[in-house]
PDB file of N, CA and C in Angstrom:
ATOM      1  N   UNK A   1      21.352  32.003  -5.838  1.00  0.00           N
ATOM      2  CA  UNK A   1      20.469  31.674  -4.841  1.00  0.00           C
ATOM      3  C   UNK A   1      20.347  32.876  -3.627  1.00  0.00           C
ATOM      4  N   UNK A   2      19.285  32.995  -3.388  1.00  0.00           N
ATOM      5  CA  UNK A   2      19.047  34.225  -2.414  1.00  0.00           C
ATOM      6  C   UNK A   2      19.810  33.781  -1.062  1.00  0.00           C
ATOM      7  N   UNK A   3      20.219  34.563  -0.302  1.00  0.00           N
ATOM      8  CA  UNK A   3      20.678  34.366   1.161  1.00  0.00           C
ATOM      9  C   UNK A   3      19.751  33.507   1.938  1.00  0.00           C
ATOM     10  N   UNK A   4      20.073  32.518   2.746  1.00  0.00           N
ATOM     11  CA  UNK A   4      18.908  31.727   3.475  1.00  0.00           C
ATOM     12  C   UNK A   4      18.491  32.466   4.709  1.00  0.00           C
ATOM     13  N   UNK A   5      19.079  33.582   5.082  1.00  0.00           N
ATOM     14  CA  UNK A   5      18.470  34.543   6.140  1.00  0.00           C
ATOM     15  C   UNK A   5      18.485  35.929   5.818  1.00  0.00           C
ATOM     16  N   UNK A   6      17.494  36.533   6.148  1.00  0.00           N
ATOM     17  CA  UNK A   6      17.444  38.064   5.994  1.00  0.00           C
ATOM     18  C   UNK A   6      18.159  39.068   6.956  1.00  0.00           C
ATOM     19  N   UNK A   7      18.463  38.372   8.143  1.00  0.00           N
ATOM     20  CA  UNK A   7      19.403  38.927   9.037  1.00  0.00           C
ATOM     21  C   UNK A   7      20.084  38.041   9.692  1.00  0.00           C
ATOM     22  N   UNK A   8      21.226  38.267  10.234  1.00  0.00           N
ATOM     23  CA  UNK A   8      22.121  37.760  11.138  1.00  0.00           C
ATOM     24  C   UNK A   8      22.387  38.693  12.417  1.00  0.00           C
ATOM     25  N   UNK A   9      22.337  37.838  13.691  1.00  0.00           N
ATOM     26  CA  UNK A   9      22.418  38.599  14.942  1.00  0.00           C
ATOM     27  C   UNK A   9      23.819  37.844  15.534  1.00  0.00           C
ATOM     28  N   UNK A  10      24.978  38.356  15.317  1.00  0.00           N
ATOM     29  CA  UNK A  10      26.092  37.776  15.996  1.00  0.00           C
ATOM     30  C   UNK A  10      26.308  38.294  17.711  1.00  0.00           C
ATOM     31  N   UNK A  11      26.360  37.328  18.385  1.00  0.00           N
ATOM     32  CA  UNK A  11      26.530  37.455  19.644  1.00  0.00           C
ATOM     33  C   UNK A  11      28.041  36.905  20.287  1.00  0.00           C
ATOM     34  N   UNK A  12      28.712  37.965  20.657  1.00  0.00           N
ATOM     35  CA  UNK A  12      30.072  37.812  21.072  1.00  0.00           C
ATOM     36  C   UNK A  12      30.079  36.604  22.207  1.00  0.00           C
ATOM     37  N   UNK A  13      30.674  35.655  22.034  1.00  0.00           N
ATOM     38  CA  UNK A  13      30.687  34.619  23.166  1.00  0.00           C
ATOM     39  C   UNK A  13      32.116  34.218  23.661  1.00  0.00           C
ATOM     40  N   UNK A  14      32.966  35.138  23.298  1.00  0.00           N
ATOM     41  CA  UNK A  14      34.259  35.226  23.508  1.00  0.00           C
ATOM     42  C   UNK A  14      34.509  35.221  25.021  1.00  0.00           C
ATOM     43  N   UNK A  15      35.676  34.058  25.498  1.00  0.00           N
ATOM     44  CA  UNK A  15      35.891  34.191  26.827  1.00  0.00           C
ATOM     45  C   UNK A  15      37.393  34.297  26.940  1.00  0.00           C
ATOM     46  N   UNK A  16      38.019  35.409  27.480  1.00  0.00           N
ATOM     47  CA  UNK A  16      39.218  35.845  27.964  1.00  0.00           C
ATOM     48  C   UNK A  16      39.751  35.020  29.364  1.00  0.00           C
ATOM     49  N   UNK A  17      40.918  34.926  29.511  1.00  0.00           N
ATOM     50  CA  UNK A  17      41.320  34.354  30.769  1.00  0.00           C
ATOM     51  C   UNK A  17      41.048  35.387  31.928  1.00  0.00           C
ATOM     52  N   UNK A  18      40.642  34.649  33.152  1.00  0.00           N
ATOM     53  CA  UNK A  18      40.298  35.481  34.106  1.00  0.00           C
ATOM     54  C   UNK A  18      41.152  36.655  34.524  1.00  0.00           C
ATOM     55  N   UNK A  19      40.636  37.680  35.182  1.00  0.00           N
ATOM     56  CA  UNK A  19      41.657  38.734  35.254  1.00  0.00           C
ATOM     57  C   UNK A  19      42.166  39.647  33.944  1.00  0.00           C
ATOM     58  N   UNK A  20      41.620  39.344  32.867  1.00  0.00           N
ATOM     59  CA  UNK A  20      41.773  40.259  31.654  1.00  0.00           C
ATOM     60  C   UNK A  20      41.288  41.635  31.807  1.00  0.00           C
ATOM     61  N   UNK A  21      42.098  42.876  31.712  1.00  0.00           N
ATOM     62  CA  UNK A  21      41.597  44.041  31.897  1.00  0.00           C
ATOM     63  C   UNK A  21      40.418  44.187  31.138  1.00  0.00           C
ATOM     64  N   UNK A  22      40.107  43.826  29.896  1.00  0.00           N
ATOM     65  CA  UNK A  22      38.978  44.013  28.975  1.00  0.00           C
ATOM     66  C   UNK A  22      37.967  43.238  29.395  1.00  0.00           C
ATOM     67  N   UNK A  23      38.066  42.322  30.200  1.00  0.00           N
ATOM     68  CA  UNK A  23      36.948  41.440  30.671  1.00  0.00           C
ATOM     69  C   UNK A  23      36.724  40.591  29.360  1.00  0.00           C
ATOM     70  N   UNK A  24      35.589  39.948  29.252  1.00  0.00           N
ATOM     71  CA  UNK A  24      35.030  39.139  28.237  1.00  0.00           C
ATOM     72  C   UNK A  24      33.539  39.139  28.109  1.00  0.00           C
ATOM     73  N   UNK A  25      32.965  39.179  26.910  1.00  0.00           N
ATOM     74  CA  UNK A  25      31.390  39.052  26.818  1.00  0.00           C
ATOM     75  C   UNK A  25      30.934  37.863  27.430  1.00  0.00           C
ATOM     76  N   UNK A  26      31.670  36.728  27.294  1.00  0.00           N
ATOM     77  CA  UNK A  26      30.961  35.416  27.843  1.00  0.00           C
ATOM     78  C   UNK A  26      31.000  35.630  29.514  1.00  0.00           C
ATOM     79  N   UNK A  27      32.010  36.326  30.165  1.00  0.00           N
ATOM     80  CA  UNK A  27      31.699  36.473  31.773  1.00  0.00           C
ATOM     81  C   UNK A  27      30.476  37.557  31.981  1.00  0.00           C
ATOM     82  N   UNK A  28      30.118  38.116  30.800  1.00  0.00           N
ATOM     83  CA  UNK A  28      29.156  39.291  31.046  1.00  0.00           C
ATOM     84  C   UNK A  28      27.559  38.638  30.676  1.00  0.00           C
ATOM     85  N   UNK A  29      27.733  37.453  30.487  1.00  0.00           N
ATOM     86  CA  UNK A  29      26.391  36.786  30.221  1.00  0.00           C
ATOM     87  C   UNK A  29      25.997  36.515  28.709  1.00  0.00           C
ATOM     88  N   UNK A  30      27.082  36.622  27.782  1.00  0.00           N
ATOM     89  CA  UNK A  30      26.563  36.518  26.358  1.00  0.00           C
ATOM     90  C   UNK A  30      26.064  34.977  26.094  1.00  0.00           C
ATOM     91  N   UNK A  31      26.429  34.083  26.752  1.00  0.00           N
ATOM     92  CA  UNK A  31      26.016  32.975  26.217  1.00  0.00           C
ATOM     93  C   UNK A  31      24.495  32.667  26.651  1.00  0.00           C
ATOM     94  N   UNK A  32      23.909  33.310  27.723  1.00  0.00           N
ATOM     95  CA  UNK A  32      22.774  33.181  28.082  1.00  0.00           C
ATOM     96  C   UNK A  32      21.999  34.205  27.011  1.00  0.00           C
ATOM     97  N   UNK A  33      22.511  35.425  26.635  1.00  0.00           N
ATOM     98  CA  UNK A  33      21.974  36.254  25.789  1.00  0.00           C
ATOM     99  C   UNK A  33      21.926  35.446  24.304  1.00  0.00           C
ATOM    100  N   UNK A  34      22.782  34.778  23.833  1.00  0.00           N
ATOM    101  CA  UNK A  34      22.522  34.172  22.666  1.00  0.00           C
ATOM    102  C   UNK A  34      21.349  33.051  22.687  1.00  0.00           C
ATOM    103  N   UNK A  35      21.106  32.320  23.813  1.00  0.00           N
ATOM    104  CA  UNK A  35      20.069  31.360  23.829  1.00  0.00           C
ATOM    105  C   UNK A  35      18.761  32.160  24.116  1.00  0.00           C
ATOM    106  N   UNK A  36      19.003  33.412  24.538  1.00  0.00           N
ATOM    107  CA  UNK A  36      17.320  34.020  24.821  1.00  0.00           C
ATOM    108  C   UNK A  36      17.129  34.638  23.341  1.00  0.00           C
ATOM    109  N   UNK A  37      18.068  34.977  22.500  1.00  0.00           N
ATOM    110  CA  UNK A  37      17.830  35.311  20.984  1.00  0.00           C
ATOM    111  C   UNK A  37      17.302  34.120  20.310  1.00  0.00           C
ATOM    112  N   UNK A  38      17.764  32.963  20.400  1.00  0.00           N
ATOM    113  CA  UNK A  38      17.232  31.815  19.779  1.00  0.00           C
ATOM    114  C   UNK A  38      15.976  31.587  20.147  1.00  0.00           C
ATOM    115  N   UNK A  39      15.588  31.460  21.400  1.00  0.00           N
ATOM    116  CA  UNK A  39      14.240  31.028  22.108  1.00  0.00           C
ATOM    117  C   UNK A  39      13.283  32.204  21.435  1.00  0.00           C
ATOM    118  N   UNK A  40      13.523  33.560  21.633  1.00  0.00           N
ATOM    119  CA  UNK A  40      12.316  34.330  21.311  1.00  0.00           C
ATOM    120  C   UNK A  40      12.352  34.403  19.724  1.00  0.00           C
ATOM    121  N   UNK A  41      13.278  34.250  18.976  1.00  0.00           N
ATOM    122  CA  UNK A  41      13.103  34.154  17.520  1.00  0.00           C
ATOM    123  C   UNK A  41      12.277  32.882  17.228  1.00  0.00           C
ATOM    124  N   UNK A  42      12.505  31.704  17.898  1.00  0.00           N
ATOM    125  CA  UNK A  42      11.726  30.675  17.700  1.00  0.00           C
ATOM    126  C   UNK A  42      10.395  30.860  18.103  1.00  0.00           C
ATOM    127  N   UNK A  43      10.121  31.307  19.230  1.00  0.00           N
ATOM    128  CA  UNK A  43       8.793  31.645  19.656  1.00  0.00           C
ATOM    129  C   UNK A  43       7.816  32.515  18.636  1.00  0.00           C
ATOM    130  N   UNK A  44       8.549  33.608  17.884  1.00  0.00           N
ATOM    131  CA  UNK A  44       7.890  34.288  17.057  1.00  0.00           C
ATOM    132  C   UNK A  44       7.795  33.800  15.595  1.00  0.00           C
ATOM    133  N   UNK A  45       8.239  32.700  15.636  1.00  0.00           N
ATOM    134  CA  UNK A  45       8.151  31.821  14.242  1.00  0.00           C
ATOM    135  C   UNK A  45       9.201  32.610  13.241  1.00  0.00           C
ATOM    136  N   UNK A  46      10.400  33.088  13.760  1.00  0.00           N
ATOM    137  CA  UNK A  46      11.262  34.012  13.001  1.00  0.00           C
ATOM    138  C   UNK A  46      12.646  33.096  12.588  1.00  0.00           C
ATOM    139  N   UNK A  47      12.692  31.895  13.100  1.00  0.00           N
ATOM    140  CA  UNK A  47      13.975  31.435  13.294  1.00  0.00           C
ATOM    141  C   UNK A  47      14.372  31.072  11.672  1.00  0.00           C
ATOM    142  N   UNK A  48      13.626  31.026  10.797  1.00  0.00           N
ATOM    143  CA  UNK A  48      14.052  30.593   9.519  1.00  0.00           C
ATOM    144  C   UNK A  48      14.256  31.955   8.540  1.00  0.00           C
ATOM    145  N   UNK A  49      14.051  32.963   9.258  1.00  0.00           N
ATOM    146  CA  UNK A  49      14.443  34.396   8.389  1.00  0.00           C
ATOM    147  C   UNK A  49      15.608  35.020   9.283  1.00  0.00           C
ATOM    148  N   UNK A  50      15.784  34.828  10.562  1.00  0.00           N
ATOM    149  CA  UNK A  50      16.993  35.635  11.208  1.00  0.00           C
ATOM    150  C   UNK A  50      17.718  34.438  12.077  1.00  0.00           C
ATOM    151  N   UNK A  51      18.749  34.682  11.957  1.00  0.00           N
ATOM    152  CA  UNK A  51      19.866  33.566  12.637  1.00  0.00           C
ATOM    153  C   UNK A  51      20.672  34.410  13.756  1.00  0.00           C
ATOM    154  N   UNK A  52      20.415  33.913  14.820  1.00  0.00           N
ATOM    155  CA  UNK A  52      21.294  34.193  16.074  1.00  0.00           C
ATOM    156  C   UNK A  52      22.534  33.339  16.078  1.00  0.00           C
ATOM    157  N   UNK A  53      23.741  33.983  15.686  1.00  0.00           N
ATOM    158  CA  UNK A  53      24.898  33.390  15.640  1.00  0.00           C
ATOM    159  C   UNK A  53      25.668  33.594  16.834  1.00  0.00           C
ATOM    160  N   UNK A  54      26.491  32.565  17.270  1.00  0.00           N
ATOM    161  CA  UNK A  54      27.628  32.738  18.426  1.00  0.00           C
ATOM    162  C   UNK A  54      28.677  33.341  17.606  1.00  0.00           C
ATOM    163  N   UNK A  55      29.356  34.206  18.100  1.00  0.00           N
ATOM    164  CA  UNK A  55      30.621  34.828  17.526  1.00  0.00           C
ATOM    165  C   UNK A  55      31.921  34.755  18.433  1.00  0.00           C
ATOM    166  N   UNK A  56      32.958  34.710  17.529  1.00  0.00           N
ATOM    167  CA  UNK A  56      34.218  34.789  18.274  1.00  0.00           C
ATOM    168  C   UNK A  56      34.297  36.271  18.826  1.00  0.00           C
ATOM    169  N   UNK A  57      35.426  36.719  19.428  1.00  0.00           N
ATOM    170  CA  UNK A  57      35.685  37.945  19.727  1.00  0.00           C
ATOM    171  C   UNK A  57      35.321  39.096  18.639  1.00  0.00           C
ATOM    172  N   UNK A  58      34.707  40.149  19.003  1.00  0.00           N
ATOM    173  CA  UNK A  58      34.466  41.225  17.908  1.00  0.00           C
ATOM    174  C   UNK A  58      35.118  42.521  18.523  1.00  0.00           C
ATOM    175  N   UNK A  59      36.096  42.166  19.388  1.00  0.00           N
ATOM    176  CA  UNK A  59      37.132  43.484  19.421  1.00  0.00           C
ATOM    177  C   UNK A  59      36.552  44.268  20.515  1.00  0.00           C
ATOM    178  N   UNK A  60      35.665  44.198  21.033  1.00  0.00           N
ATOM    179  CA  UNK A  60      34.951  45.447  22.018  1.00  0.00           C
ATOM    180  C   UNK A  60      34.525  44.648  23.441  1.00  0.00           C
ATOM    181  N   UNK A  61      35.232  43.959  23.759  1.00  0.00           N
ATOM    182  CA  UNK A  61      35.241  43.086  25.240  1.00  0.00           C
ATOM    183  C   UNK A  61      34.682  44.126  26.267  1.00  0.00           C
ATOM    184  N   UNK A  62      35.590  45.073  26.116  1.00  0.00           N
ATOM    185  CA  UNK A  62      34.971  46.122  27.378  1.00  0.00           C
ATOM    186  C   UNK A  62      33.841  46.633  27.343  1.00  0.00           C
ATOM    187  N   UNK A  63      33.064  46.365  26.289  1.00  0.00           N
ATOM    188  CA  UNK A  63      31.517  47.040  25.993  1.00  0.00           C
ATOM    189  C   UNK A  63      30.804  46.131  26.187  1.00  0.00           C
ATOM    190  N   UNK A  64      30.938  44.867  26.351  1.00  0.00           N
ATOM    191  CA  UNK A  64      30.319  43.731  26.306  1.00  0.00           C
ATOM    192  C   UNK A  64      29.119  43.659  27.337  1.00  0.00           C
ATOM    193  N   UNK A  65      28.121  42.857  26.994  1.00  0.00           N
ATOM    194  CA  UNK A  65      27.962  41.837  26.052  1.00  0.00           C
ATOM    195  C   UNK A  65      27.700  42.581  24.660  1.00  0.00           C
ATOM    196  N   UNK A  66      28.465  42.090  23.614  1.00  0.00           N
ATOM    197  CA  UNK A  66      28.440  42.928  22.291  1.00  0.00           C
ATOM    198  C   UNK A  66      27.538  41.873  21.158  1.00  0.00           C
ATOM    199  N   UNK A  67      26.614  42.691  20.764  1.00  0.00           N
ATOM    200  CA  UNK A  67      25.751  41.984  19.698  1.00  0.00           C
ATOM    201  C   UNK A  67      25.829  42.958  18.520  1.00  0.00           C
ATOM    202  N   UNK A  68      25.952  42.159  17.304  1.00  0.00           N
ATOM    203  CA  UNK A  68      26.001  43.048  15.897  1.00  0.00           C
ATOM    204  C   UNK A  68      24.762  42.423  15.122  1.00  0.00           C
ATOM    205  N   UNK A  69      23.856  43.290  14.502  1.00  0.00           N
ATOM    206  CA  UNK A  69      23.050  42.866  13.593  1.00  0.00           C
ATOM    207  C   UNK A  69      23.351  43.348  12.142  1.00  0.00           C
ATOM    208  N   UNK A  70      23.244  42.266  11.222  1.00  0.00           N
ATOM    209  CA  UNK A  70      23.479  42.444   9.794  1.00  0.00           C
ATOM    210  C   UNK A  70      22.680  41.949   9.048  1.00  0.00           C
ATOM    211  N   UNK A  71      22.323  42.667   7.825  1.00  0.00           N
ATOM    212  CA  UNK A  71      23.056  43.383   7.187  1.00  0.00           C
ATOM    213  C   UNK A  71      23.277  44.857   7.566  1.00  0.00           C
ATOM    214  N   UNK A  72      22.507  45.209   8.419  1.00  0.00           N
ATOM    215  CA  UNK A  72      22.636  46.761   8.681  1.00  0.00           C
ATOM    216  C   UNK A  72      23.912  47.174   9.436  1.00  0.00           C
ATOM    217  N   UNK A  73      24.537  46.309   9.952  1.00  0.00           N
ATOM    218  CA  UNK A  73      25.903  46.553  10.592  1.00  0.00           C
ATOM    219  C   UNK A  73      25.720  47.355  12.009  1.00  0.00           C
ATOM    220  N   UNK A  74      24.731  47.140  12.601  1.00  0.00           N
ATOM    221  CA  UNK A  74      24.180  48.039  13.831  1.00  0.00           C
ATOM    222  C   UNK A  74      24.809  47.202  15.066  1.00  0.00           C
ATOM    223  N   UNK A  75      25.655  47.900  15.886  1.00  0.00           N
ATOM    224  CA  UNK A  75      26.386  47.328  17.108  1.00  0.00           C
ATOM    225  C   UNK A  75      25.605  47.784  18.144  1.00  0.00           C
ATOM    226  N   UNK A  76      25.621  46.759  19.135  1.00  0.00           N
ATOM    227  CA  UNK A  76      24.913  47.111  20.444  1.00  0.00           C
ATOM    228  C   UNK A  76      26.030  46.441  21.549  1.00  0.00           C
ATOM    229  N   UNK A  77      25.905  47.374  22.646  1.00  0.00           N
ATOM    230  CA  UNK A  77      26.937  47.250  23.720  1.00  0.00           C
ATOM    231  C   UNK A  77      26.050  46.843  25.089  1.00  0.00           C
ATOM    232  N   UNK A  78      26.518  46.216  26.021  1.00  0.00           N
ATOM    233  CA  UNK A  78      25.950  46.080  27.419  1.00  0.00           C
ATOM    234  C   UNK A  78      24.633  45.259  27.340  1.00  0.00           C
ATOM    235  N   UNK A  79      24.232  44.549  26.148  1.00  0.00           N
ATOM    236  CA  UNK A  79      23.290  43.842  26.066  1.00  0.00           C
ATOM    237  C   UNK A  79      23.171  42.814  27.240  1.00  0.00           C
ATOM    238  N   UNK A  80      21.935  42.620  27.786  1.00  0.00           N
ATOM    239  CA  UNK A  80      21.531  41.716  28.658  1.00  0.00           C
ATOM    240  C   UNK A  80      20.270  40.839  28.179  1.00  0.00           C
ATOM    241  N   UNK A  81      20.171  39.664  28.967  1.00  0.00           N
ATOM    242  CA  UNK A  81      19.204  38.846  28.640  1.00  0.00           C
ATOM    243  C   UNK A  81      17.901  39.560  28.621  1.00  0.00           C
ATOM    244  N   UNK A  82      17.489  40.557  29.251  1.00  0.00           N
ATOM    245  CA  UNK A  82      16.260  41.432  29.536  1.00  0.00           C
ATOM    246  C   UNK A  82      16.295  42.459  28.319  1.00  0.00           C
ATOM    247  N   UNK A  83      17.097  42.705  27.600  1.00  0.00           N
ATOM    248  CA  UNK A  83      17.222  43.345  26.383  1.00  0.00           C
ATOM    249  C   UNK A  83      16.627  42.761  25.309  1.00  0.00           C
ATOM    250  N   UNK A  84      16.799  41.469  25.253  1.00  0.00           N
ATOM    251  CA  UNK A  84      16.457  40.697  23.876  1.00  0.00           C
ATOM    252  C   UNK A  84      15.077  40.785  23.352  1.00  0.00           C
ATOM    253  N   UNK A  85      14.161  40.848  23.961  1.00  0.00           N
ATOM    254  CA  UNK A  85      12.711  40.938  23.580  1.00  0.00           C
ATOM    255  C   UNK A  85      12.539  42.294  22.829  1.00  0.00           C
ATOM    256  N   UNK A  86      13.270  43.389  23.297  1.00  0.00           N
ATOM    257  CA  UNK A  86      13.242  44.724  22.756  1.00  0.00           C
ATOM    258  C   UNK A  86      13.928  44.960  21.569  1.00  0.00           C
ATOM    259  N   UNK A  87      14.890  44.194  21.373  1.00  0.00           N
ATOM    260  CA  UNK A  87      15.847  44.227  20.294  1.00  0.00           C
ATOM    261  C   UNK A  87      15.000  43.414  19.246  1.00  0.00           C
ATOM    262  N   UNK A  88      14.506  42.300  19.757  1.00  0.00           N
ATOM    263  CA  UNK A  88      13.902  41.480  18.344  1.00  0.00           C
ATOM    264  C   UNK A  88      12.740  42.320  17.955  1.00  0.00           C
ATOM    265  N   UNK A  89      11.897  42.747  18.887  1.00  0.00           N
ATOM    266  CA  UNK A  89      10.777  43.719  18.487  1.00  0.00           C
ATOM    267  C   UNK A  89      10.849  44.985  17.888  1.00  0.00           C
ATOM    268  N   UNK A  90      11.738  45.896  18.350  1.00  0.00           N
ATOM    269  CA  UNK A  90      12.091  47.060  17.727  1.00  0.00           C
ATOM    270  C   UNK A  90      12.712  46.942  16.619  1.00  0.00           C
ATOM    271  N   UNK A  91      13.831  46.173  16.504  1.00  0.00           N
ATOM    272  CA  UNK A  91      14.999  46.182  15.606  1.00  0.00           C
ATOM    273  C   UNK A  91      14.551  45.119  14.489  1.00  0.00           C
ATOM    274  N   UNK A  92      14.622  43.784  14.982  1.00  0.00           N
ATOM    275  CA  UNK A  92      14.478  42.656  14.192  1.00  0.00           C
ATOM    276  C   UNK A  92      13.047  42.578  13.351  1.00  0.00           C
ATOM    277  N   UNK A  93      12.101  42.797  14.013  1.00  0.00           N
ATOM    278  CA  UNK A  93      10.701  43.059  13.499  1.00  0.00           C
ATOM    279  C   UNK A  93      10.435  44.296  12.804  1.00  0.00           C
ATOM    280  N   UNK A  94      10.612  45.448  13.468  1.00  0.00           N
ATOM    281  CA  UNK A  94      10.122  46.833  13.034  1.00  0.00           C
ATOM    282  C   UNK A  94      11.156  47.653  12.427  1.00  0.00           C
ATOM    283  N   UNK A  95      12.577  46.996  12.180  1.00  0.00           N
ATOM    284  CA  UNK A  95      13.587  47.853  11.699  1.00  0.00           C
ATOM    285  C   UNK A  95      13.982  49.312  12.303  1.00  0.00           C
ATOM    286  N   UNK A  96      13.893  49.307  13.535  1.00  0.00           N
ATOM    287  CA  UNK A  96      14.372  50.605  14.301  1.00  0.00           C
ATOM    288  C   UNK A  96      15.110  50.138  15.394  1.00  0.00           C
ATOM    289  N   UNK A  97      16.621  50.375  15.125  1.00  0.00           N
ATOM    290  CA  UNK A  97      17.461  49.894  16.058  1.00  0.00           C
ATOM    291  C   UNK A  97      17.130  50.432  17.357  1.00  0.00           C
ATOM    292  N   UNK A  98      17.441  49.947  18.789  1.00  0.00           N
ATOM    293  CA  UNK A  98      17.294  50.318  20.047  1.00  0.00           C
ATOM    294  C   UNK A  98      18.374  51.180  20.434  1.00  0.00           C
ATOM    295  N   UNK A  99      18.086  52.607  20.355  1.00  0.00           N
ATOM    296  CA  UNK A  99      18.818  53.342  20.774  1.00  0.00           C
ATOM    297  C   UNK A  99      19.645  53.601  21.907  1.00  0.00           C
ATOM    298  N   UNK A 100      19.143  53.252  22.973  1.00  0.00           N
ATOM    299  CA  UNK A 100      19.793  53.010  24.213  1.00  0.00           C
ATOM    300  C   UNK A 100      20.877  51.840  24.474  1.00  0.00           C
ATOM    301  N   UNK A 101      20.749  50.999  23.528  1.00  0.00           N
ATOM    302  CA  UNK A 101      21.824  50.195  23.560  1.00  0.00           C
ATOM    303  C   UNK A 101      23.029  50.218  22.281  1.00  0.00           C
ATOM    304  N   UNK A 102      22.724  51.276  21.479  1.00  0.00           N
ATOM    305  CA  UNK A 102      23.745  51.574  20.466  1.00  0.00           C
ATOM    306  C   UNK A 102      25.077  51.661  21.061  1.00  0.00           C
ATOM    307  N   UNK A 103      26.154  51.030  20.406  1.00  0.00           N
ATOM    308  CA  UNK A 103      27.683  51.278  20.876  1.00  0.00           C
ATOM    309  C   UNK A 103      27.961  52.780  20.210  1.00  0.00           C
ATOM    310  N   UNK A 104      28.580  53.425  21.111  1.00  0.00           N
ATOM    311  CA  UNK A 104      29.102  54.806  20.878  1.00  0.00           C
ATOM    312  C   UNK A 104      30.333  54.504  19.632  1.00  0.00           C
ATOM    313  N   UNK A 105      30.613  55.176  18.691  1.00  0.00           N
ATOM    314  CA  UNK A 105      31.805  54.673  17.710  1.00  0.00           C
ATOM    315  C   UNK A 105      33.109  55.222  18.684  1.00  0.00           C
ATOM    316  N   UNK A 106      33.980  54.458  18.206  1.00  0.00           N
ATOM    317  CA  UNK A 106      35.479  54.785  18.888  1.00  0.00           C
ATOM    318  C   UNK A 106      36.557  54.339  17.773  1.00  0.00           C
ATOM    319  N   UNK A 107      37.472  55.048  17.932  1.00  0.00           N
ATOM    320  CA  UNK A 107      38.808  54.385  17.262  1.00  0.00           C
ATOM    321  C   UNK A 107      39.802  53.677  18.163  1.00  0.00           C
ATOM    322  N   UNK A 108      40.165  52.711  17.504  1.00  0.00           N
ATOM    323  CA  UNK A 108      41.100  51.673  18.155  1.00  0.00           C
ATOM    324  C   UNK A 108      42.495  52.226  17.743  1.00  0.00           C
ATOM    325  N   UNK A 109      43.562  52.184  18.793  1.00  0.00           N
ATOM    326  CA  UNK A 109      44.857  52.421  18.772  1.00  0.00           C
ATOM    327  C   UNK A 109      45.386  51.281  17.895  1.00  0.00           C
ATOM    328  N   UNK A 110      46.435  51.856  17.075  1.00  0.00           N
ATOM    329  CA  UNK A 110      47.131  50.855  16.093  1.00  0.00           C
ATOM    330  C   UNK A 110      47.651  49.554  16.703  1.00  0.00           C
ATOM    331  N   UNK A 111      48.023  49.499  17.935  1.00  0.00           N
ATOM    332  CA  UNK A 111      48.539  48.086  18.628  1.00  0.00           C
ATOM    333  C   UNK A 111      47.373  47.280  19.331  1.00  0.00           C
ATOM    334  N   UNK A 112      46.048  47.928  19.150  1.00  0.00           N
ATOM    335  CA  UNK A 112      44.992  46.982  19.685  1.00  0.00           C
ATOM    336  C   UNK A 112      44.514  45.954  18.615  1.00  0.00           C
TER     337      UNK A 112
END
């Protein structure tokens, strides 16, 4: 059986305790971002091909709101509701990642 979706958009909706030094994606608006993806994909008739999933922690809260698109494995950081239409149009429809939102690669320390 083929996969039911061509792409998955994972939006971190993790909420850390208040005062956490990393912050959390939820406190940076990720719940609204996830709803915006859902509405935009539905409005474009894409909800049967692309699934916007809530995600637990993606371990990059300091760069939140974090969004990851699979199967490409493209990571976006600092995503806001106003960025959703651009990501849908440019990346999800036209297969061109939105360069200005791409997360810079970084190496985690062993204890993180």
